[in-house]
């Protein structure tokens, strides 16, 4: 049984986003399998989607076996 993987992964992803962008990212909505965040305009670049994708595609290892966890990314401009 795997319990808590989704919420742990969401939490870890939010921590990594905060480490990279500081207060430039704010959590707007948290759900079991998704988070909605706001990004300050001054850090939005053409590479933002690629940068975030790198953050949320990473391996997890348990008992010597590795699996790459992946989450989808959608970036919207709300000018």
PDB file of N, CA and C in Angstrom:
ATOM      1  N   UNK A   1       0.848  -1.192   0.000  1.00  0.00           N
ATOM      2  CA  UNK A   1       0.000   0.000   0.000  1.00  0.00           C
ATOM      3  C   UNK A   1       0.885   1.244   0.000  1.00  0.00           C
ATOM      4  N   UNK A   2       0.530   2.191  -0.828  1.00  0.00           N
ATOM      5  CA  UNK A   2       1.205   3.487  -0.849  1.00  0.00           C
ATOM      6  C   UNK A   2       0.210   4.512  -0.340  1.00  0.00           C
ATOM      7  N   UNK A   3       0.557   5.142   0.741  1.00  0.00           N
ATOM      8  CA  UNK A   3      -0.346   6.124   1.325  1.00  0.00           C
ATOM      9  C   UNK A   3       0.366   7.457   1.467  1.00  0.00           C
ATOM     10  N   UNK A   4      -0.281   8.491   1.063  1.00  0.00           N
ATOM     11  CA  UNK A   4       0.281   9.827   1.234  1.00  0.00           C
ATOM     12  C   UNK A   4       1.227  10.279   0.136  1.00  0.00           C
ATOM     13  N   UNK A   5       1.444   9.448  -0.866  1.00  0.00           N
ATOM     14  CA  UNK A   5       2.397   9.807  -1.915  1.00  0.00           C
ATOM     15  C   UNK A   5       1.992  11.093  -2.615  1.00  0.00           C
ATOM     16  N   UNK A   6       0.731  11.224  -2.968  1.00  0.00           N
ATOM     17  CA  UNK A   6       0.281  12.411  -3.702  1.00  0.00           C
ATOM     18  C   UNK A   6       0.442  13.662  -2.850  1.00  0.00           C
ATOM     19  N   UNK A   7      -0.009  13.622  -1.613  1.00  0.00           N
ATOM     20  CA  UNK A   7       0.100  14.817  -0.774  1.00  0.00           C
ATOM     21  C   UNK A   7       1.555  15.128  -0.456  1.00  0.00           C
ATOM     22  N   UNK A   8       2.376  14.110  -0.227  1.00  0.00           N
ATOM     23  CA  UNK A   8       3.802  14.350   0.012  1.00  0.00           C
ATOM     24  C   UNK A   8       4.453  14.990  -1.209  1.00  0.00           C
ATOM     25  N   UNK A   9       4.101  14.494  -2.387  1.00  0.00           N
ATOM     26  CA  UNK A   9       4.669  15.028  -3.621  1.00  0.00           C
ATOM     27  C   UNK A   9       4.233  16.474  -3.836  1.00  0.00           C
ATOM     28  N   UNK A  10       2.955  16.769  -3.573  1.00  0.00           N
ATOM     29  CA  UNK A  10       2.468  18.148  -3.668  1.00  0.00           C
ATOM     30  C   UNK A  10       3.224  19.058  -2.705  1.00  0.00           C
ATOM     31  N   UNK A  11       3.376  18.612  -1.478  1.00  0.00           N
ATOM     32  CA  UNK A  11       4.073  19.427  -0.481  1.00  0.00           C
ATOM     33  C   UNK A  11       5.519  19.674  -0.880  1.00  0.00           C
ATOM     34  N   UNK A  12       6.200  18.626  -1.322  1.00  0.00           N
ATOM     35  CA  UNK A  12       7.597  18.771  -1.731  1.00  0.00           C
ATOM     36  C   UNK A  12       7.723  19.724  -2.916  1.00  0.00           C
ATOM     37  N   UNK A  13       6.806  19.620  -3.857  1.00  0.00           N
ATOM     38  CA  UNK A  13       6.830  20.503  -5.024  1.00  0.00           C
ATOM     39  C   UNK A  13       6.654  21.956  -4.612  1.00  0.00           C
ATOM     40  N   UNK A  14       5.717  22.226  -3.716  1.00  0.00           N
ATOM     41  CA  UNK A  14       5.519  23.601  -3.240  1.00  0.00           C
ATOM     42  C   UNK A  14       6.755  24.121  -2.523  1.00  0.00           C
ATOM     43  N   UNK A  15       7.407  23.291  -1.743  1.00  0.00           N
ATOM     44  CA  UNK A  15       8.637  23.699  -1.053  1.00  0.00           C
ATOM     45  C   UNK A  15       9.725  24.035  -2.064  1.00  0.00           C
ATOM     46  N   UNK A  16       9.881  23.196  -3.099  1.00  0.00           N
ATOM     47  CA  UNK A  16      10.889  23.471  -4.128  1.00  0.00           C
ATOM     48  C   UNK A  16      10.581  24.751  -4.904  1.00  0.00           C
ATOM     49  N   UNK A  17       9.298  24.997  -5.193  1.00  0.00           N
ATOM     50  CA  UNK A  17       8.922  26.237  -5.873  1.00  0.00           C
ATOM     51  C   UNK A  17       9.260  27.447  -5.008  1.00  0.00           C
ATOM     52  N   UNK A  18       8.984  27.344  -3.718  1.00  0.00           N
ATOM     53  CA  UNK A  18       9.296  28.458  -2.817  1.00  0.00           C
ATOM     54  C   UNK A  18      10.805  28.688  -2.730  1.00  0.00           C
ATOM     55  N   UNK A  19      11.591  27.615  -2.695  1.00  0.00           N
ATOM     56  CA  UNK A  19      13.047  27.767  -2.658  1.00  0.00           C
ATOM     57  C   UNK A  19      13.558  28.467  -3.910  1.00  0.00           C
ATOM     58  N   UNK A  20      12.966  28.151  -5.066  1.00  0.00           N
ATOM     59  CA  UNK A  20      13.438  28.737  -6.326  1.00  0.00           C
ATOM     60  C   UNK A  20      12.940  30.163  -6.528  1.00  0.00           C
ATOM     61  N   UNK A  21      11.657  30.427  -6.199  1.00  0.00           N
ATOM     62  CA  UNK A  21      11.054  31.714  -6.533  1.00  0.00           C
ATOM     63  C   UNK A  21      10.725  32.582  -5.326  1.00  0.00           C
ATOM     64  N   UNK A  22      10.953  32.084  -4.116  1.00  0.00           N
ATOM     65  CA  UNK A  22      10.681  32.873  -2.913  1.00  0.00           C
ATOM     66  C   UNK A  22       9.227  33.298  -2.835  1.00  0.00           C
ATOM     67  N   UNK A  23       9.020  34.560  -2.479  1.00  0.00           N
ATOM     68  CA  UNK A  23       7.641  35.046  -2.345  1.00  0.00           C
ATOM     69  C   UNK A  23       7.026  35.404  -3.693  1.00  0.00           C
ATOM     70  N   UNK A  24       7.694  35.041  -4.771  1.00  0.00           N
ATOM     71  CA  UNK A  24       7.161  35.273  -6.110  1.00  0.00           C
ATOM     72  C   UNK A  24       6.058  34.300  -6.488  1.00  0.00           C
ATOM     73  N   UNK A  25       5.887  33.267  -5.675  1.00  0.00           N
ATOM     74  CA  UNK A  25       4.829  32.289  -5.922  1.00  0.00           C
ATOM     75  C   UNK A  25       3.976  32.170  -4.668  1.00  0.00           C
ATOM     76  N   UNK A  26       2.670  32.186  -4.865  1.00  0.00           N
ATOM     77  CA  UNK A  26       1.715  32.045  -3.754  1.00  0.00           C
ATOM     78  C   UNK A  26       0.751  30.898  -4.045  1.00  0.00           C
ATOM     79  N   UNK A  27       0.498  30.093  -3.044  1.00  0.00           N
ATOM     80  CA  UNK A  27      -0.485  29.024  -3.172  1.00  0.00           C
ATOM     81  C   UNK A  27      -1.882  29.630  -3.122  1.00  0.00           C
ATOM     82  N   UNK A  28      -2.677  29.379  -4.160  1.00  0.00           N
ATOM     83  CA  UNK A  28      -4.050  29.876  -4.206  1.00  0.00           C
ATOM     84  C   UNK A  28      -5.051  28.811  -3.794  1.00  0.00           C
ATOM     85  N   UNK A  29      -4.801  27.573  -4.234  1.00  0.00           N
ATOM     86  CA  UNK A  29      -5.748  26.501  -3.949  1.00  0.00           C
ATOM     87  C   UNK A  29      -4.990  25.185  -3.874  1.00  0.00           C
ATOM     88  N   UNK A  30      -5.251  24.422  -2.851  1.00  0.00           N
ATOM     89  CA  UNK A  30      -4.641  23.114  -2.679  1.00  0.00           C
ATOM     90  C   UNK A  30      -5.733  22.064  -2.716  1.00  0.00           C
ATOM     91  N   UNK A  31      -5.531  21.041  -3.504  1.00  0.00           N
ATOM     92  CA  UNK A  31      -6.468  19.926  -3.583  1.00  0.00           C
ATOM     93  C   UNK A  31      -5.668  18.635  -3.467  1.00  0.00           C
ATOM     94  N   UNK A  32      -6.360  17.529  -3.367  1.00  0.00           N
ATOM     95  CA  UNK A  32      -5.681  16.242  -3.188  1.00  0.00           C
ATOM     96  C   UNK A  32      -4.639  15.989  -4.282  1.00  0.00           C
ATOM     97  N   UNK A  33      -4.988  16.270  -5.519  1.00  0.00           N
ATOM     98  CA  UNK A  33      -4.079  15.933  -6.609  1.00  0.00           C
ATOM     99  C   UNK A  33      -3.722  17.120  -7.486  1.00  0.00           C
ATOM    100  N   UNK A  34      -3.764  18.327  -6.917  1.00  0.00           N
ATOM    101  CA  UNK A  34      -3.375  19.484  -7.710  1.00  0.00           C
ATOM    102  C   UNK A  34      -3.288  20.738  -6.874  1.00  0.00           C
ATOM    103  N   UNK A  35      -2.468  21.654  -7.312  1.00  0.00           N
ATOM    104  CA  UNK A  35      -2.305  22.943  -6.645  1.00  0.00           C
ATOM    105  C   UNK A  35      -2.427  24.042  -7.678  1.00  0.00           C
ATOM    106  N   UNK A  36      -3.036  25.151  -7.283  1.00  0.00           N
ATOM    107  CA  UNK A  36      -3.073  26.324  -8.138  1.00  0.00           C
ATOM    108  C   UNK A  36      -2.242  27.396  -7.443  1.00  0.00           C
ATOM    109  N   UNK A  37      -1.277  27.948  -8.185  1.00  0.00           N
ATOM    110  CA  UNK A  37      -0.400  28.974  -7.626  1.00  0.00           C
ATOM    111  C   UNK A  37      -0.429  30.222  -8.501  1.00  0.00           C
ATOM    112  N   UNK A  38      -0.188  31.349  -7.875  1.00  0.00           N
ATOM    113  CA  UNK A  38      -0.046  32.608  -8.597  1.00  0.00           C
ATOM    114  C   UNK A  38       1.441  32.945  -8.652  1.00  0.00           C
ATOM    115  N   UNK A  39       1.865  33.479  -9.788  1.00  0.00           N
ATOM    116  CA  UNK A  39       3.264  33.834  -9.996  1.00  0.00           C
ATOM    117  C   UNK A  39       3.343  35.328 -10.270  1.00  0.00           C
ATOM    118  N   UNK A  40       4.223  36.023  -9.546  1.00  0.00           N
ATOM    119  CA  UNK A  40       4.395  37.464  -9.774  1.00  0.00           C
ATOM    120  C   UNK A  40       4.900  37.709 -11.187  1.00  0.00           C
ATOM    121  N   UNK A  41       4.377  38.766 -11.798  1.00  0.00           N
ATOM    122  CA  UNK A  41       4.723  39.059 -13.189  1.00  0.00           C
ATOM    123  C   UNK A  41       6.212  39.263 -13.407  1.00  0.00           C
ATOM    124  N   UNK A  42       6.910  39.809 -12.421  1.00  0.00           N
ATOM    125  CA  UNK A  42       8.330  40.104 -12.628  1.00  0.00           C
ATOM    126  C   UNK A  42       9.207  38.850 -12.706  1.00  0.00           C
ATOM    127  N   UNK A  43       8.684  37.684 -12.331  1.00  0.00           N
ATOM    128  CA  UNK A  43       9.481  36.463 -12.487  1.00  0.00           C
ATOM    129  C   UNK A  43       8.988  35.585 -13.623  1.00  0.00           C
ATOM    130  N   UNK A  44       7.909  36.010 -14.257  1.00  0.00           N
ATOM    131  CA  UNK A  44       7.402  35.229 -15.384  1.00  0.00           C
ATOM    132  C   UNK A  44       8.312  35.452 -16.584  1.00  0.00           C
ATOM    133  N   UNK A  45       8.830  34.365 -17.103  1.00  0.00           N
ATOM    134  CA  UNK A  45       9.679  34.427 -18.293  1.00  0.00           C
ATOM    135  C   UNK A  45       9.157  33.409 -19.287  1.00  0.00           C
ATOM    136  N   UNK A  46       9.708  33.441 -20.456  1.00  0.00           N
ATOM    137  CA  UNK A  46       9.305  32.463 -21.457  1.00  0.00           C
ATOM    138  C   UNK A  46       9.693  31.053 -21.029  1.00  0.00           C
ATOM    139  N   UNK A  47      10.623  30.945 -20.089  1.00  0.00           N
ATOM    140  CA  UNK A  47      11.078  29.631 -19.637  1.00  0.00           C
ATOM    141  C   UNK A  47      10.373  29.154 -18.380  1.00  0.00           C
ATOM    142  N   UNK A  48       9.393  29.889 -17.881  1.00  0.00           N
ATOM    143  CA  UNK A  48       8.754  29.536 -16.620  1.00  0.00           C
ATOM    144  C   UNK A  48       8.180  28.125 -16.652  1.00  0.00           C
ATOM    145  N   UNK A  49       7.455  27.786 -17.696  1.00  0.00           N
ATOM    146  CA  UNK A  49       6.849  26.450 -17.773  1.00  0.00           C
ATOM    147  C   UNK A  49       7.931  25.373 -17.766  1.00  0.00           C
ATOM    148  N   UNK A  50       9.000  25.576 -18.498  1.00  0.00           N
ATOM    149  CA  UNK A  50      10.091  24.605 -18.524  1.00  0.00           C
ATOM    150  C   UNK A  50      10.772  24.520 -17.166  1.00  0.00           C
ATOM    151  N   UNK A  51      10.975  25.661 -16.499  1.00  0.00           N
ATOM    152  CA  UNK A  51      11.600  25.671 -15.176  1.00  0.00           C
ATOM    153  C   UNK A  51      10.760  24.900 -14.170  1.00  0.00           C
ATOM    154  N   UNK A  52       9.460  25.129 -14.170  1.00  0.00           N
ATOM    155  CA  UNK A  52       8.581  24.441 -13.225  1.00  0.00           C
ATOM    156  C   UNK A  52       8.516  22.951 -13.561  1.00  0.00           C
ATOM    157  N   UNK A  53       8.518  22.624 -14.843  1.00  0.00           N
ATOM    158  CA  UNK A  53       8.470  21.213 -15.231  1.00  0.00           C
ATOM    159  C   UNK A  53       9.672  20.460 -14.678  1.00  0.00           C
ATOM    160  N   UNK A  54      10.841  21.082 -14.684  1.00  0.00           N
ATOM    161  CA  UNK A  54      12.040  20.454 -14.120  1.00  0.00           C
ATOM    162  C   UNK A  54      11.841  20.192 -12.631  1.00  0.00           C
ATOM    163  N   UNK A  55      11.231  21.126 -11.935  1.00  0.00           N
ATOM    164  CA  UNK A  55      11.004  20.976 -10.500  1.00  0.00           C
ATOM    165  C   UNK A  55      10.089  19.798 -10.206  1.00  0.00           C
ATOM    166  N   UNK A  56       9.075  19.587 -11.022  1.00  0.00           N
ATOM    167  CA  UNK A  56       8.087  18.563 -10.681  1.00  0.00           C
ATOM    168  C   UNK A  56       8.279  17.242 -11.416  1.00  0.00           C
ATOM    169  N   UNK A  57       9.384  17.071 -12.094  1.00  0.00           N
ATOM    170  CA  UNK A  57       9.743  15.776 -12.656  1.00  0.00           C
ATOM    171  C   UNK A  57      11.041  15.347 -11.997  1.00  0.00           C
ATOM    172  N   UNK A  58      10.923  14.459 -11.020  1.00  0.00           N
ATOM    173  CA  UNK A  58      12.118  14.043 -10.306  1.00  0.00           C
ATOM    174  C   UNK A  58      11.943  12.610  -9.802  1.00  0.00           C
ATOM    175  N   UNK A  59      13.057  11.929  -9.586  1.00  0.00           N
ATOM    176  CA  UNK A  59      12.984  10.538  -9.153  1.00  0.00           C
ATOM    177  C   UNK A  59      12.731  10.416  -7.650  1.00  0.00           C
ATOM    178  N   UNK A  60      12.040   9.357  -7.277  1.00  0.00           N
ATOM    179  CA  UNK A  60      11.961   8.972  -5.869  1.00  0.00           C
ATOM    180  C   UNK A  60      12.500   7.550  -5.786  1.00  0.00           C
ATOM    181  N   UNK A  61      13.196   7.264  -4.716  1.00  0.00           N
ATOM    182  CA  UNK A  61      13.809   5.953  -4.550  1.00  0.00           C
ATOM    183  C   UNK A  61      13.321   5.327  -3.252  1.00  0.00           C
ATOM    184  N   UNK A  62      12.951   4.068  -3.346  1.00  0.00           N
ATOM    185  CA  UNK A  62      12.524   3.316  -2.177  1.00  0.00           C
ATOM    186  C   UNK A  62      13.082   1.903  -2.283  1.00  0.00           C
ATOM    187  N   UNK A  63      13.780   1.488  -1.271  1.00  0.00           N
ATOM    188  CA  UNK A  63      14.394   0.160  -1.221  1.00  0.00           C
ATOM    189  C   UNK A  63      15.187  -0.155  -2.484  1.00  0.00           C
ATOM    190  N   UNK A  64      15.981   0.822  -2.927  1.00  0.00           N
ATOM    191  CA  UNK A  64      16.865   0.621  -4.059  1.00  0.00           C
ATOM    192  C   UNK A  64      16.219   0.680  -5.430  1.00  0.00           C
ATOM    193  N   UNK A  65      14.915   0.931  -5.481  1.00  0.00           N
ATOM    194  CA  UNK A  65      14.227   1.037  -6.771  1.00  0.00           C
ATOM    195  C   UNK A  65      13.832   2.489  -6.981  1.00  0.00           C
ATOM    196  N   UNK A  66      13.991   2.979  -8.196  1.00  0.00           N
ATOM    197  CA  UNK A  66      13.723   4.381  -8.505  1.00  0.00           C
ATOM    198  C   UNK A  66      12.578   4.498  -9.502  1.00  0.00           C
ATOM    199  N   UNK A  67      11.730   5.468  -9.257  1.00  0.00           N
ATOM    200  CA  UNK A  67      10.603   5.776 -10.127  1.00  0.00           C
ATOM    201  C   UNK A  67      10.577   7.284 -10.329  1.00  0.00           C
ATOM    202  N   UNK A  68      10.404   7.737 -11.552  1.00  0.00           N
ATOM    203  CA  UNK A  68      10.308   9.163 -11.807  1.00  0.00           C
ATOM    204  C   UNK A  68       8.868   9.599 -11.619  1.00  0.00           C
ATOM    205  N   UNK A  69       8.660  10.509 -10.681  1.00  0.00           N
ATOM    206  CA  UNK A  69       7.336  11.075 -10.434  1.00  0.00           C
ATOM    207  C   UNK A  69       7.187  12.299 -11.332  1.00  0.00           C
ATOM    208  N   UNK A  70       6.054  12.416 -11.971  1.00  0.00           N
ATOM    209  CA  UNK A  70       5.814  13.499 -12.910  1.00  0.00           C
ATOM    210  C   UNK A  70       4.460  14.132 -12.630  1.00  0.00           C
ATOM    211  N   UNK A  71       4.397  15.428 -12.736  1.00  0.00           N
ATOM    212  CA  UNK A  71       3.133  16.145 -12.609  1.00  0.00           C
ATOM    213  C   UNK A  71       2.982  17.064 -13.818  1.00  0.00           C
ATOM    214  N   UNK A  72       1.761  17.304 -14.203  1.00  0.00           N
ATOM    215  CA  UNK A  72       1.518  18.196 -15.339  1.00  0.00           C
ATOM    216  C   UNK A  72       1.618  19.648 -14.918  1.00  0.00           C
ATOM    217  N   UNK A  73       1.934  20.496 -15.873  1.00  0.00           N
ATOM    218  CA  UNK A  73       2.062  21.931 -15.616  1.00  0.00           C
ATOM    219  C   UNK A  73       1.231  22.693 -16.640  1.00  0.00           C
ATOM    220  N   UNK A  74       0.432  23.613 -16.176  1.00  0.00           N
ATOM    221  CA  UNK A  74      -0.262  24.546 -17.049  1.00  0.00           C
ATOM    222  C   UNK A  74       0.070  25.946 -16.545  1.00  0.00           C
ATOM    223  N   UNK A  75       0.511  26.797 -17.451  1.00  0.00           N
ATOM    224  CA  UNK A  75       0.835  28.173 -17.087  1.00  0.00           C
ATOM    225  C   UNK A  75      -0.086  29.083 -17.894  1.00  0.00           C
ATOM    226  N   UNK A  76      -0.841  29.909 -17.172  1.00  0.00           N
ATOM    227  CA  UNK A  76      -1.784  30.827 -17.806  1.00  0.00           C
ATOM    228  C   UNK A  76      -1.367  32.265 -17.545  1.00  0.00           C
ATOM    229  N   UNK A  77      -1.611  33.131 -18.493  1.00  0.00           N
ATOM    230  CA  UNK A  77      -1.375  34.560 -18.316  1.00  0.00           C
ATOM    231  C   UNK A  77      -2.718  35.218 -18.004  1.00  0.00           C
ATOM    232  N   UNK A  78      -2.826  35.796 -16.824  1.00  0.00           N
ATOM    233  CA  UNK A  78      -4.077  36.420 -16.397  1.00  0.00           C
ATOM    234  C   UNK A  78      -3.960  37.941 -16.327  1.00  0.00           C
ATOM    235  N   UNK A  79      -3.398  38.547 -17.359  1.00  0.00           N
ATOM    236  CA  UNK A  79      -3.247  40.025 -17.350  1.00  0.00           C
ATOM    237  C   UNK A  79      -4.581  40.705 -17.210  1.00  0.00           C
TER     238      UNK A  79
END
